[in-house]
Amino acid sequence: MDDEKVLAALAALSQATRLHCFRLLVGAEPTGVAAGELARRLGVPQNTLSAHLSIMANAGLVKGERHSRSIIYRVDLAHFRELVLFLLKDCCGGRADVCAALIADITPCHPPEAPVHG
């Protein structure tokens, strides 16, 4: 991922409504949320939300998919993964012992597997 894409993603998330929307969508994976439902949950007008979603989509953070009369929005997890990996690439100078706590904190839903004793 290049600096320009990273800056676009971070800029898109640097506004409160978009940040809340993104976090809501992360929590709604893998099903996503319809645009109207997003507007209701965030307490913003649909046209305002549409502008926010457009900014996030242009930054590669979210994708919309039409389902009959609704558009379902989801996080682009591949792009989000690239963003996080870019930010962590040089973490702790490659010292796994220093990064262990950070890695544990960012993987709460995927705890490390317990060692198998045999």
PDB file of N, CA and C in Angstrom:
ATOM      1  N   MET A   1       0.851  -1.168   0.000  1.00  0.00           N
ATOM      2  CA  MET A   1       0.000   0.000   0.000  1.00  0.00           C
ATOM      3  C   MET A   1       0.897   1.232   0.000  1.00  0.00           C
ATOM      4  N   ASP A   2       0.549   2.201  -0.817  1.00  0.00           N
ATOM      5  CA  ASP A   2       1.384   3.397  -0.884  1.00  0.00           C
ATOM      6  C   ASP A   2       0.867   4.492   0.048  1.00  0.00           C
ATOM      7  N   ASP A   3       1.709   5.486   0.259  1.00  0.00           N
ATOM      8  CA  ASP A   3       1.383   6.570   1.181  1.00  0.00           C
ATOM      9  C   ASP A   3       0.085   7.275   0.810  1.00  0.00           C
ATOM     10  N   GLU A   4      -0.149   7.471  -0.480  1.00  0.00           N
ATOM     11  CA  GLU A   4      -1.345   8.186  -0.923  1.00  0.00           C
ATOM     12  C   GLU A   4      -2.624   7.468  -0.494  1.00  0.00           C
ATOM     13  N   LYS A   5      -2.660   6.142  -0.638  1.00  0.00           N
ATOM     14  CA  LYS A   5      -3.836   5.366  -0.226  1.00  0.00           C
ATOM     15  C   LYS A   5      -4.012   5.389   1.286  1.00  0.00           C
ATOM     16  N   VAL A   6      -2.905   5.302   2.003  1.00  0.00           N
ATOM     17  CA  VAL A   6      -2.969   5.345   3.468  1.00  0.00           C
ATOM     18  C   VAL A   6      -3.508   6.691   3.927  1.00  0.00           C
ATOM     19  N   LEU A   7      -2.991   7.762   3.350  1.00  0.00           N
ATOM     20  CA  LEU A   7      -3.445   9.091   3.734  1.00  0.00           C
ATOM     21  C   LEU A   7      -4.921   9.299   3.410  1.00  0.00           C
ATOM     22  N   ALA A   8      -5.384   8.779   2.287  1.00  0.00           N
ATOM     23  CA  ALA A   8      -6.805   8.898   1.934  1.00  0.00           C
ATOM     24  C   ALA A   8      -7.678   8.165   2.949  1.00  0.00           C
ATOM     25  N   ALA A   9      -7.262   6.967   3.348  1.00  0.00           N
ATOM     26  CA  ALA A   9      -8.032   6.185   4.323  1.00  0.00           C
ATOM     27  C   ALA A   9      -8.049   6.883   5.677  1.00  0.00           C
ATOM     28  N   LEU A  10      -6.895   7.354   6.124  1.00  0.00           N
ATOM     29  CA  LEU A  10      -6.834   8.024   7.419  1.00  0.00           C
ATOM     30  C   LEU A  10      -7.620   9.333   7.404  1.00  0.00           C
ATOM     31  N   ALA A  11      -7.563  10.057   6.294  1.00  0.00           N
ATOM     32  CA  ALA A  11      -8.338  11.293   6.173  1.00  0.00           C
ATOM     33  C   ALA A  11      -9.832  10.992   6.219  1.00  0.00           C
ATOM     34  N   ALA A  12     -10.245   9.912   5.570  1.00  0.00           N
ATOM     35  CA  ALA A  12     -11.661   9.541   5.573  1.00  0.00           C
ATOM     36  C   ALA A  12     -12.140   9.202   6.981  1.00  0.00           C
ATOM     37  N   LEU A  13     -11.276   8.621   7.779  1.00  0.00           N
ATOM     38  CA  LEU A  13     -11.654   8.235   9.139  1.00  0.00           C
ATOM     39  C   LEU A  13     -11.477   9.363  10.153  1.00  0.00           C
ATOM     40  N   SER A  14     -10.960  10.496   9.718  1.00  0.00           N
ATOM     41  CA  SER A  14     -10.673  11.588  10.644  1.00  0.00           C
ATOM     42  C   SER A  14     -11.868  12.505  10.885  1.00  0.00           C
ATOM     43  N   GLN A  15     -13.053  12.032  10.595  1.00  0.00           N
ATOM     44  CA  GLN A  15     -14.284  12.784  10.841  1.00  0.00           C
ATOM     45  C   GLN A  15     -15.188  11.888  11.693  1.00  0.00           C
ATOM     46  N   ALA A  16     -15.825  12.452  12.710  1.00  0.00           N
ATOM     47  CA  ALA A  16     -16.543  11.670  13.720  1.00  0.00           C
ATOM     48  C   ALA A  16     -17.627  10.756  13.141  1.00  0.00           C
ATOM     49  N   THR A  17     -18.487  11.261  12.274  1.00  0.00           N
ATOM     50  CA  THR A  17     -19.570  10.431  11.731  1.00  0.00           C
ATOM     51  C   THR A  17     -19.000   9.280  10.921  1.00  0.00           C
ATOM     52  N   ARG A  18     -17.985   9.556  10.107  1.00  0.00           N
ATOM     53  CA  ARG A  18     -17.389   8.481   9.305  1.00  0.00           C
ATOM     54  C   ARG A  18     -16.694   7.452  10.191  1.00  0.00           C
ATOM     55  N   LEU A  19     -16.022   7.902  11.222  1.00  0.00           N
ATOM     56  CA  LEU A  19     -15.373   6.968  12.141  1.00  0.00           C
ATOM     57  C   LEU A  19     -16.409   6.078  12.826  1.00  0.00           C
ATOM     58  N   HIS A  20     -17.499   6.672  13.301  1.00  0.00           N
ATOM     59  CA  HIS A  20     -18.559   5.884  13.940  1.00  0.00           C
ATOM     60  C   HIS A  20     -19.193   4.912  12.949  1.00  0.00           C
ATOM     61  N   CYS A  21     -19.396   5.374  11.737  1.00  0.00           N
ATOM     62  CA  CYS A  21     -19.970   4.524  10.688  1.00  0.00           C
ATOM     63  C   CYS A  21     -19.044   3.347  10.398  1.00  0.00           C
ATOM     64  N   PHE A  22     -17.768   3.621  10.254  1.00  0.00           N
ATOM     65  CA  PHE A  22     -16.805   2.559   9.964  1.00  0.00           C
ATOM     66  C   PHE A  22     -16.794   1.522  11.083  1.00  0.00           C
ATOM     67  N   ARG A  23     -16.764   1.984  12.314  1.00  0.00           N
ATOM     68  CA  ARG A  23     -16.755   1.051  13.456  1.00  0.00           C
ATOM     69  C   ARG A  23     -18.040   0.239  13.508  1.00  0.00           C
ATOM     70  N   LEU A  24     -19.162   0.868  13.198  1.00  0.00           N
ATOM     71  CA  LEU A  24     -20.429   0.148  13.158  1.00  0.00           C
ATOM     72  C   LEU A  24     -20.380  -0.939  12.089  1.00  0.00           C
ATOM     73  N   LEU A  25     -19.842  -0.606  10.925  1.00  0.00           N
ATOM     74  CA  LEU A  25     -19.749  -1.578   9.838  1.00  0.00           C
ATOM     75  C   LEU A  25     -18.772  -2.713  10.163  1.00  0.00           C
ATOM     76  N   VAL A  26     -17.686  -2.409  10.840  1.00  0.00           N
ATOM     77  CA  VAL A  26     -16.748  -3.460  11.255  1.00  0.00           C
ATOM     78  C   VAL A  26     -17.479  -4.453  12.154  1.00  0.00           C
ATOM     79  N   GLY A  27     -18.285  -3.932  13.078  1.00  0.00           N
ATOM     80  CA  GLY A  27     -19.042  -4.793  13.984  1.00  0.00           C
ATOM     81  C   GLY A  27     -20.143  -5.581  13.299  1.00  0.00           C
ATOM     82  N   ALA A  28     -20.556  -5.133  12.127  1.00  0.00           N
ATOM     83  CA  ALA A  28     -21.647  -5.799  11.403  1.00  0.00           C
ATOM     84  C   ALA A  28     -21.156  -6.829  10.388  1.00  0.00           C
ATOM     85  N   GLU A  29     -19.837  -7.026  10.324  1.00  0.00           N
ATOM     86  CA  GLU A  29     -19.321  -8.026   9.385  1.00  0.00           C
ATOM     87  C   GLU A  29     -19.764  -9.408   9.819  1.00  0.00           C
ATOM     88  N   PRO A  30     -20.078 -10.294   8.895  1.00  0.00           N
ATOM     89  CA  PRO A  30     -19.917 -10.191   7.444  1.00  0.00           C
ATOM     90  C   PRO A  30     -21.177  -9.760   6.703  1.00  0.00           C
ATOM     91  N   THR A  31     -22.264  -9.469   7.421  1.00  0.00           N
ATOM     92  CA  THR A  31     -23.530  -9.198   6.736  1.00  0.00           C
ATOM     93  C   THR A  31     -23.668  -7.791   6.191  1.00  0.00           C
ATOM     94  N   GLY A  32     -23.035  -6.811   6.844  1.00  0.00           N
ATOM     95  CA  GLY A  32     -23.178  -5.428   6.414  1.00  0.00           C
ATOM     96  C   GLY A  32     -24.458  -4.808   6.930  1.00  0.00           C
ATOM     97  N   VAL A  33     -24.692  -3.554   6.555  1.00  0.00           N
ATOM     98  CA  VAL A  33     -25.859  -2.803   7.013  1.00  0.00           C
ATOM     99  C   VAL A  33     -26.389  -1.985   5.841  1.00  0.00           C
ATOM    100  N   ALA A  34     -27.703  -1.962   5.710  1.00  0.00           N
ATOM    101  CA  ALA A  34     -28.335  -1.151   4.664  1.00  0.00           C
ATOM    102  C   ALA A  34     -28.117   0.330   4.954  1.00  0.00           C
ATOM    103  N   ALA A  35     -28.007   1.115   3.901  1.00  0.00           N
ATOM    104  CA  ALA A  35     -27.726   2.547   4.032  1.00  0.00           C
ATOM    105  C   ALA A  35     -28.753   3.242   4.921  1.00  0.00           C
ATOM    106  N   GLY A  36     -30.022   2.959   4.741  1.00  0.00           N
ATOM    107  CA  GLY A  36     -31.062   3.591   5.560  1.00  0.00           C
ATOM    108  C   GLY A  36     -30.926   3.237   7.035  1.00  0.00           C
ATOM    109  N   GLU A  37     -30.583   1.999   7.306  1.00  0.00           N
ATOM    110  CA  GLU A  37     -30.383   1.554   8.690  1.00  0.00           C
ATOM    111  C   GLU A  37     -29.152   2.229   9.293  1.00  0.00           C
ATOM    112  N   LEU A  38     -28.099   2.391   8.494  1.00  0.00           N
ATOM    113  CA  LEU A  38     -26.908   3.102   8.960  1.00  0.00           C
ATOM    114  C   LEU A  38     -27.268   4.531   9.357  1.00  0.00           C
ATOM    115  N   ALA A  39     -28.027   5.209   8.515  1.00  0.00           N
ATOM    116  CA  ALA A  39     -28.432   6.585   8.802  1.00  0.00           C
ATOM    117  C   ALA A  39     -29.236   6.645  10.093  1.00  0.00           C
ATOM    118  N   ARG A  40     -30.144   5.694  10.276  1.00  0.00           N
ATOM    119  CA  ARG A  40     -30.965   5.666  11.488  1.00  0.00           C
ATOM    120  C   ARG A  40     -30.099   5.445  12.724  1.00  0.00           C
ATOM    121  N   ARG A  41     -29.209   4.459  12.659  1.00  0.00           N
ATOM    122  CA  ARG A  41     -28.354   4.155  13.813  1.00  0.00           C
ATOM    123  C   ARG A  41     -27.409   5.295  14.168  1.00  0.00           C
ATOM    124  N   LEU A  42     -26.947   6.010  13.154  1.00  0.00           N
ATOM    125  CA  LEU A  42     -26.012   7.108  13.389  1.00  0.00           C
ATOM    126  C   LEU A  42     -26.719   8.426  13.668  1.00  0.00           C
ATOM    127  N   GLY A  43     -28.022   8.469  13.409  1.00  0.00           N
ATOM    128  CA  GLY A  43     -28.787   9.689  13.648  1.00  0.00           C
ATOM    129  C   GLY A  43     -28.439  10.821  12.714  1.00  0.00           C
ATOM    130  N   VAL A  44     -28.180  10.475  11.442  1.00  0.00           N
ATOM    131  CA  VAL A  44     -27.864  11.500  10.444  1.00  0.00           C
ATOM    132  C   VAL A  44     -28.821  11.354   9.261  1.00  0.00           C
ATOM    133  N   PRO A  45     -29.085  12.454   8.553  1.00  0.00           N
ATOM    134  CA  PRO A  45     -29.928  12.365   7.353  1.00  0.00           C
ATOM    135  C   PRO A  45     -29.283  11.454   6.306  1.00  0.00           C
ATOM    136  N   GLN A  46     -30.123  10.792   5.509  1.00  0.00           N
ATOM    137  CA  GLN A  46     -29.611   9.854   4.516  1.00  0.00           C
ATOM    138  C   GLN A  46     -28.700  10.521   3.495  1.00  0.00           C
ATOM    139  N   ASN A  47     -29.021  11.754   3.086  1.00  0.00           N
ATOM    140  CA  ASN A  47     -28.166  12.407   2.092  1.00  0.00           C
ATOM    141  C   ASN A  47     -26.792  12.746   2.686  1.00  0.00           C
ATOM    142  N   THR A  48     -26.753  13.084   3.967  1.00  0.00           N
ATOM    143  CA  THR A  48     -25.478  13.350   4.639  1.00  0.00           C
ATOM    144  C   THR A  48     -24.664  12.064   4.723  1.00  0.00           C
ATOM    145  N   LEU A  49     -25.335  10.977   5.115  1.00  0.00           N
ATOM    146  CA  LEU A  49     -24.646   9.694   5.207  1.00  0.00           C
ATOM    147  C   LEU A  49     -24.124   9.269   3.844  1.00  0.00           C
ATOM    148  N   SER A  50     -24.897   9.510   2.805  1.00  0.00           N
ATOM    149  CA  SER A  50     -24.471   9.156   1.457  1.00  0.00           C
ATOM    150  C   SER A  50     -23.151   9.833   1.102  1.00  0.00           C
ATOM    151  N   ALA A  51     -23.013  11.097   1.475  1.00  0.00           N
ATOM    152  CA  ALA A  51     -21.758  11.815   1.208  1.00  0.00           C
ATOM    153  C   ALA A  51     -20.610  11.189   1.995  1.00  0.00           C
ATOM    154  N   HIS A  52     -20.855  10.833   3.252  1.00  0.00           N
ATOM    155  CA  HIS A  52     -19.821  10.192   4.068  1.00  0.00           C
ATOM    156  C   HIS A  52     -19.422   8.833   3.492  1.00  0.00           C
ATOM    157  N   LEU A  53     -20.402   8.048   3.094  1.00  0.00           N
ATOM    158  CA  LEU A  53     -20.120   6.728   2.521  1.00  0.00           C
ATOM    159  C   LEU A  53     -19.333   6.851   1.223  1.00  0.00           C
ATOM    160  N   SER A  54     -19.622   7.868   0.452  1.00  0.00           N
ATOM    161  CA  SER A  54     -18.891   8.100  -0.793  1.00  0.00           C
ATOM    162  C   SER A  54     -17.419   8.381  -0.506  1.00  0.00           C
ATOM    163  N   ILE A  55     -17.155   9.193   0.491  1.00  0.00           N
ATOM    164  CA  ILE A  55     -15.769   9.498   0.866  1.00  0.00           C
ATOM    165  C   ILE A  55     -15.058   8.227   1.319  1.00  0.00           C
ATOM    166  N   MET A  56     -15.730   7.423   2.137  1.00  0.00           N
ATOM    167  CA  MET A  56     -15.105   6.187   2.624  1.00  0.00           C
ATOM    168  C   MET A  56     -14.914   5.173   1.499  1.00  0.00           C
ATOM    169  N   ALA A  57     -15.862   5.117   0.567  1.00  0.00           N
ATOM    170  CA  ALA A  57     -15.731   4.204  -0.565  1.00  0.00           C
ATOM    171  C   ALA A  57     -14.577   4.634  -1.471  1.00  0.00           C
ATOM    172  N   ASN A  58     -14.453   5.933  -1.715  1.00  0.00           N
ATOM    173  CA  ASN A  58     -13.346   6.436  -2.540  1.00  0.00           C
ATOM    174  C   ASN A  58     -11.995   6.175  -1.897  1.00  0.00           C
ATOM    175  N   ALA A  59     -11.972   6.085  -0.569  1.00  0.00           N
ATOM    176  CA  ALA A  59     -10.732   5.792   0.149  1.00  0.00           C
ATOM    177  C   ALA A  59     -10.489   4.289   0.268  1.00  0.00           C
ATOM    178  N   GLY A  60     -11.419   3.491  -0.260  1.00  0.00           N
ATOM    179  CA  GLY A  60     -11.253   2.040  -0.242  1.00  0.00           C
ATOM    180  C   GLY A  60     -11.648   1.361   1.055  1.00  0.00           C
ATOM    181  N   LEU A  61     -12.323   2.077   1.939  1.00  0.00           N
ATOM    182  CA  LEU A  61     -12.660   1.504   3.240  1.00  0.00           C
ATOM    183  C   LEU A  61     -13.953   0.703   3.238  1.00  0.00           C
ATOM    184  N   VAL A  62     -14.915   1.097   2.420  1.00  0.00           N
ATOM    185  CA  VAL A  62     -16.215   0.411   2.390  1.00  0.00           C
ATOM    186  C   VAL A  62     -16.624   0.130   0.956  1.00  0.00           C
ATOM    187  N   LYS A  63     -17.530  -0.827   0.833  1.00  0.00           N
ATOM    188  CA  LYS A  63     -18.123  -1.164  -0.458  1.00  0.00           C
ATOM    189  C   LYS A  63     -19.632  -1.235  -0.286  1.00  0.00           C
ATOM    190  N   GLY A  64     -20.342  -0.797  -1.304  1.00  0.00           N
ATOM    191  CA  GLY A  64     -21.795  -0.901  -1.306  1.00  0.00           C
ATOM    192  C   GLY A  64     -22.232  -1.891  -2.368  1.00  0.00           C
ATOM    193  N   GLU A  65     -23.226  -2.691  -2.022  1.00  0.00           N
ATOM    194  CA  GLU A  65     -23.763  -3.668  -2.970  1.00  0.00           C
ATOM    195  C   GLU A  65     -25.281  -3.581  -2.966  1.00  0.00           C
ATOM    196  N   ARG A  66     -25.848  -3.412  -4.156  1.00  0.00           N
ATOM    197  CA  ARG A  66     -27.300  -3.275  -4.260  1.00  0.00           C
ATOM    198  C   ARG A  66     -27.982  -4.625  -4.055  1.00  0.00           C
ATOM    199  N   HIS A  67     -29.001  -4.602  -3.193  1.00  0.00           N
ATOM    200  CA  HIS A  67     -29.881  -5.745  -2.956  1.00  0.00           C
ATOM    201  C   HIS A  67     -31.302  -5.223  -3.103  1.00  0.00           C
ATOM    202  N   SER A  68     -31.919  -5.521  -4.213  1.00  0.00           N
ATOM    203  CA  SER A  68     -33.227  -4.995  -4.621  1.00  0.00           C
ATOM    204  C   SER A  68     -33.234  -3.471  -4.463  1.00  0.00           C
ATOM    205  N   ARG A  69     -33.977  -2.908  -3.502  1.00  0.00           N
ATOM    206  CA  ARG A  69     -34.076  -1.453  -3.392  1.00  0.00           C
ATOM    207  C   ARG A  69     -33.091  -0.857  -2.390  1.00  0.00           C
ATOM    208  N   SER A  70     -32.312  -1.690  -1.741  1.00  0.00           N
ATOM    209  CA  SER A  70     -31.367  -1.207  -0.724  1.00  0.00           C
ATOM    210  C   SER A  70     -29.929  -1.376  -1.192  1.00  0.00           C
ATOM    211  N   ILE A  71     -29.065  -0.569  -0.612  1.00  0.00           N
ATOM    212  CA  ILE A  71     -27.633  -0.755  -0.801  1.00  0.00           C
ATOM    213  C   ILE A  71     -27.075  -1.176   0.547  1.00  0.00           C
ATOM    214  N   ILE A  72     -26.428  -2.326   0.568  1.00  0.00           N
ATOM    215  CA  ILE A  72     -25.836  -2.863   1.778  1.00  0.00           C
ATOM    216  C   ILE A  72     -24.361  -2.472   1.778  1.00  0.00           C
ATOM    217  N   TYR A  73     -23.930  -1.848   2.852  1.00  0.00           N
ATOM    218  CA  TYR A  73     -22.538  -1.425   2.974  1.00  0.00           C
ATOM    219  C   TYR A  73     -21.779  -2.361   3.894  1.00  0.00           C
ATOM    220  N   ARG A  74     -20.564  -2.649   3.489  1.00  0.00           N
ATOM    221  CA  ARG A  74     -19.661  -3.501   4.258  1.00  0.00           C
ATOM    222  C   ARG A  74     -18.273  -2.899   4.217  1.00  0.00           C
ATOM    223  N   VAL A  75     -17.485  -3.237   5.214  1.00  0.00           N
ATOM    224  CA  VAL A  75     -16.086  -2.825   5.243  1.00  0.00           C
ATOM    225  C   VAL A  75     -15.332  -3.632   4.198  1.00  0.00           C
ATOM    226  N   ASP A  76     -14.427  -2.990   3.488  1.00  0.00           N
ATOM    227  CA  ASP A  76     -13.532  -3.708   2.577  1.00  0.00           C
ATOM    228  C   ASP A  76     -12.396  -4.234   3.449  1.00  0.00           C
ATOM    229  N   LEU A  77     -12.578  -5.455   3.952  1.00  0.00           N
ATOM    230  CA  LEU A  77     -11.626  -6.018   4.911  1.00  0.00           C
ATOM    231  C   LEU A  77     -10.229  -6.191   4.337  1.00  0.00           C
ATOM    232  N   ALA A  78     -10.122  -6.484   3.053  1.00  0.00           N
ATOM    233  CA  ALA A  78      -8.797  -6.634   2.444  1.00  0.00           C
ATOM    234  C   ALA A  78      -8.045  -5.300   2.475  1.00  0.00           C
ATOM    235  N   HIS A  79      -8.740  -4.225   2.153  1.00  0.00           N
ATOM    236  CA  HIS A  79      -8.107  -2.903   2.160  1.00  0.00           C
ATOM    237  C   HIS A  79      -7.774  -2.483   3.596  1.00  0.00           C
ATOM    238  N   PHE A  80      -8.682  -2.754   4.510  1.00  0.00           N
ATOM    239  CA  PHE A  80      -8.460  -2.426   5.918  1.00  0.00           C
ATOM    240  C   PHE A  80      -7.250  -3.191   6.459  1.00  0.00           C
ATOM    241  N   ARG A  81      -7.136  -4.456   6.065  1.00  0.00           N
ATOM    242  CA  ARG A  81      -5.983  -5.273   6.478  1.00  0.00           C
ATOM    243  C   ARG A  81      -4.689  -4.655   5.958  1.00  0.00           C
ATOM    244  N   GLU A  82      -4.690  -4.243   4.696  1.00  0.00           N
ATOM    245  CA  GLU A  82      -3.500  -3.605   4.122  1.00  0.00           C
ATOM    246  C   GLU A  82      -3.125  -2.344   4.894  1.00  0.00           C
ATOM    247  N   LEU A  83      -4.135  -1.559   5.266  1.00  0.00           N
ATOM    248  CA  LEU A  83      -3.904  -0.328   6.010  1.00  0.00           C
ATOM    249  C   LEU A  83      -3.263  -0.629   7.363  1.00  0.00           C
ATOM    250  N   VAL A  84      -3.826  -1.572   8.088  1.00  0.00           N
ATOM    251  CA  VAL A  84      -3.292  -1.919   9.408  1.00  0.00           C
ATOM    252  C   VAL A  84      -1.880  -2.487   9.280  1.00  0.00           C
ATOM    253  N   LEU A  85      -1.670  -3.351   8.307  1.00  0.00           N
ATOM    254  CA  LEU A  85      -0.333  -3.912   8.116  1.00  0.00           C
ATOM    255  C   LEU A  85       0.678  -2.839   7.743  1.00  0.00           C
ATOM    256  N   PHE A  86       0.267  -1.873   6.934  1.00  0.00           N
ATOM    257  CA  PHE A  86       1.151  -0.761   6.582  1.00  0.00           C
ATOM    258  C   PHE A  86       1.563   0.000   7.838  1.00  0.00           C
ATOM    259  N   LEU A  87       0.591   0.258   8.713  1.00  0.00           N
ATOM    260  CA  LEU A  87       0.864   1.012   9.931  1.00  0.00           C
ATOM    261  C   LEU A  87       1.757   0.241  10.904  1.00  0.00           C
ATOM    262  N   LEU A  88       1.659  -1.077  10.873  1.00  0.00           N
ATOM    263  CA  LEU A  88       2.412  -1.904  11.816  1.00  0.00           C
ATOM    264  C   LEU A  88       3.671  -2.524  11.233  1.00  0.00           C
ATOM    265  N   LYS A  89       3.934  -2.284   9.967  1.00  0.00           N
ATOM    266  CA  LYS A  89       5.006  -2.973   9.261  1.00  0.00           C
ATOM    267  C   LYS A  89       6.341  -2.935   9.988  1.00  0.00           C
ATOM    268  N   ASP A  90       6.725  -1.805  10.467  1.00  0.00           N
ATOM    269  CA  ASP A  90       8.029  -1.678  11.115  1.00  0.00           C
ATOM    270  C   ASP A  90       7.910  -1.652  12.636  1.00  0.00           C
ATOM    271  N   CYS A  91       6.820  -2.209  13.136  1.00  0.00           N
ATOM    272  CA  CYS A  91       6.541  -2.201  14.571  1.00  0.00           C
ATOM    273  C   CYS A  91       7.698  -2.786  15.378  1.00  0.00           C
ATOM    274  N   CYS A  92       8.147  -2.029  16.323  1.00  0.00           N
ATOM    275  CA  CYS A  92       9.117  -2.495  17.319  1.00  0.00           C
ATOM    276  C   CYS A  92      10.418  -3.013  16.720  1.00  0.00           C
ATOM    277  N   GLY A  93      10.753  -2.575  15.534  1.00  0.00           N
ATOM    278  CA  GLY A  93      12.004  -2.994  14.922  1.00  0.00           C
ATOM    279  C   GLY A  93      12.113  -4.486  14.697  1.00  0.00           C
ATOM    280  N   GLY A  94      10.954  -5.137  14.535  1.00  0.00           N
ATOM    281  CA  GLY A  94      10.958  -6.576  14.277  1.00  0.00           C
ATOM    282  C   GLY A  94      11.117  -7.438  15.518  1.00  0.00           C
ATOM    283  N   ARG A  95      11.085  -6.837  16.687  1.00  0.00           N
ATOM    284  CA  ARG A  95      11.239  -7.592  17.940  1.00  0.00           C
ATOM    285  C   ARG A  95       9.891  -8.120  18.381  1.00  0.00           C
ATOM    286  N   ALA A  96       9.658  -9.403  18.192  1.00  0.00           N
ATOM    287  CA  ALA A  96       8.382 -10.031  18.519  1.00  0.00           C
ATOM    288  C   ALA A  96       8.025  -9.877  19.992  1.00  0.00           C
ATOM    289  N   ASP A  97       9.015  -9.898  20.882  1.00  0.00           N
ATOM    290  CA  ASP A  97       8.728  -9.784  22.308  1.00  0.00           C
ATOM    291  C   ASP A  97       8.123  -8.417  22.653  1.00  0.00           C
ATOM    292  N   VAL A  98       8.529  -7.373  21.954  1.00  0.00           N
ATOM    293  CA  VAL A  98       7.996  -6.040  22.204  1.00  0.00           C
ATOM    294  C   VAL A  98       6.600  -5.908  21.591  1.00  0.00           C
ATOM    295  N   CYS A  99       6.384  -6.531  20.448  1.00  0.00           N
ATOM    296  CA  CYS A  99       5.103  -6.433  19.739  1.00  0.00           C
ATOM    297  C   CYS A  99       4.035  -7.378  20.277  1.00  0.00           C
ATOM    298  N   ALA A 100       4.382  -8.340  21.097  1.00  0.00           N
ATOM    299  CA  ALA A 100       3.433  -9.372  21.541  1.00  0.00           C
ATOM    300  C   ALA A 100       2.169  -8.780  22.162  1.00  0.00           C
ATOM    301  N   ALA A 101       2.312  -7.810  23.042  1.00  0.00           N
ATOM    302  CA  ALA A 101       1.139  -7.221  23.697  1.00  0.00           C
ATOM    303  C   ALA A 101       0.254  -6.488  22.686  1.00  0.00           C
ATOM    304  N   LEU A 102       0.865  -5.765  21.758  1.00  0.00           N
ATOM    305  CA  LEU A 102       0.105  -5.060  20.722  1.00  0.00           C
ATOM    306  C   LEU A 102      -0.669  -6.049  19.864  1.00  0.00           C
ATOM    307  N   ILE A 103      -0.021  -7.100  19.442  1.00  0.00           N
ATOM    308  CA  ILE A 103      -0.669  -8.109  18.604  1.00  0.00           C
ATOM    309  C   ILE A 103      -1.818  -8.765  19.364  1.00  0.00           C
ATOM    310  N   ALA A 104      -1.623  -9.054  20.632  1.00  0.00           N
ATOM    311  CA  ALA A 104      -2.692  -9.649  21.439  1.00  0.00           C
ATOM    312  C   ALA A 104      -3.890  -8.705  21.541  1.00  0.00           C
ATOM    313  N   ASP A 105      -3.627  -7.407  21.692  1.00  0.00           N
ATOM    314  CA  ASP A 105      -4.709  -6.433  21.803  1.00  0.00           C
ATOM    315  C   ASP A 105      -5.501  -6.261  20.516  1.00  0.00           C
ATOM    316  N   ILE A 106      -4.858  -6.416  19.363  1.00  0.00           N
ATOM    317  CA  ILE A 106      -5.576  -6.211  18.101  1.00  0.00           C
ATOM    318  C   ILE A 106      -6.185  -7.493  17.565  1.00  0.00           C
ATOM    319  N   THR A 107      -6.063  -8.573  18.282  1.00  0.00           N
ATOM    320  CA  THR A 107      -6.654  -9.842  17.837  1.00  0.00           C
ATOM    321  C   THR A 107      -7.568 -10.434  18.909  1.00  0.00           C
ATOM    322  N   PRO A 108      -8.483  -9.634  19.483  1.00  0.00           N
ATOM    323  CA  PRO A 108      -9.312 -10.158  20.568  1.00  0.00           C
ATOM    324  C   PRO A 108     -10.280 -11.262  20.135  1.00  0.00           C
ATOM    325  N   CYS A 109     -10.659 -11.282  18.870  1.00  0.00           N
ATOM    326  CA  CYS A 109     -11.608 -12.304  18.427  1.00  0.00           C
ATOM    327  C   CYS A 109     -10.896 -13.540  17.889  1.00  0.00           C
ATOM    328  N   HIS A 110      -9.590 -13.504  17.829  1.00  0.00           N
ATOM    329  CA  HIS A 110      -8.812 -14.645  17.342  1.00  0.00           C
ATOM    330  C   HIS A 110      -7.637 -14.891  18.264  1.00  0.00           C
ATOM    331  N   PRO A 111      -7.930 -15.386  19.494  1.00  0.00           N
ATOM    332  CA  PRO A 111      -6.823 -15.616  20.409  1.00  0.00           C
ATOM    333  C   PRO A 111      -5.872 -16.663  19.862  1.00  0.00           C
ATOM    334  N   PRO A 112      -4.606 -16.564  20.236  1.00  0.00           N
ATOM    335  CA  PRO A 112      -3.638 -17.558  19.756  1.00  0.00           C
ATOM    336  C   PRO A 112      -4.028 -18.948  20.231  1.00  0.00           C
ATOM    337  N   GLU A 113      -3.743 -19.918  19.384  1.00  0.00           N
ATOM    338  CA  GLU A 113      -4.060 -21.290  19.753  1.00  0.00           C
ATOM    339  C   GLU A 113      -3.137 -21.749  20.866  1.00  0.00           C
ATOM    340  N   ALA A 114      -3.710 -22.528  21.774  1.00  0.00           N
ATOM    341  CA  ALA A 114      -2.918 -23.057  22.880  1.00  0.00           C
ATOM    342  C   ALA A 114      -1.940 -24.089  22.327  1.00  0.00           C
ATOM    343  N   PRO A 115      -0.734 -24.139  22.873  1.00  0.00           N
ATOM    344  CA  PRO A 115       0.221 -25.134  22.392  1.00  0.00           C
ATOM    345  C   PRO A 115      -0.280 -26.542  22.680  1.00  0.00           C
ATOM    346  N   VAL A 116       0.010 -27.427  21.755  1.00  0.00           N
ATOM    347  CA  VAL A 116      -0.380 -28.816  21.911  1.00  0.00           C
ATOM    348  C   VAL A 116       0.746 -29.554  22.580  1.00  0.00           C
ATOM    349  N   HIS A 117       0.441 -30.170  23.712  1.00  0.00           N
ATOM    350  CA  HIS A 117       1.458 -30.926  24.434  1.00  0.00           C
ATOM    351  C   HIS A 117       1.256 -32.413  24.126  1.00  0.00           C
ATOM    352  N   GLY A 118       2.297 -33.072  23.775  1.00  0.00           N
ATOM    353  CA  GLY A 118       2.105 -34.463  23.391  1.00  0.00           C
ATOM    354  C   GLY A 118       3.133 -35.314  23.837  1.00  0.00           C
TER     355      GLY A 118
END
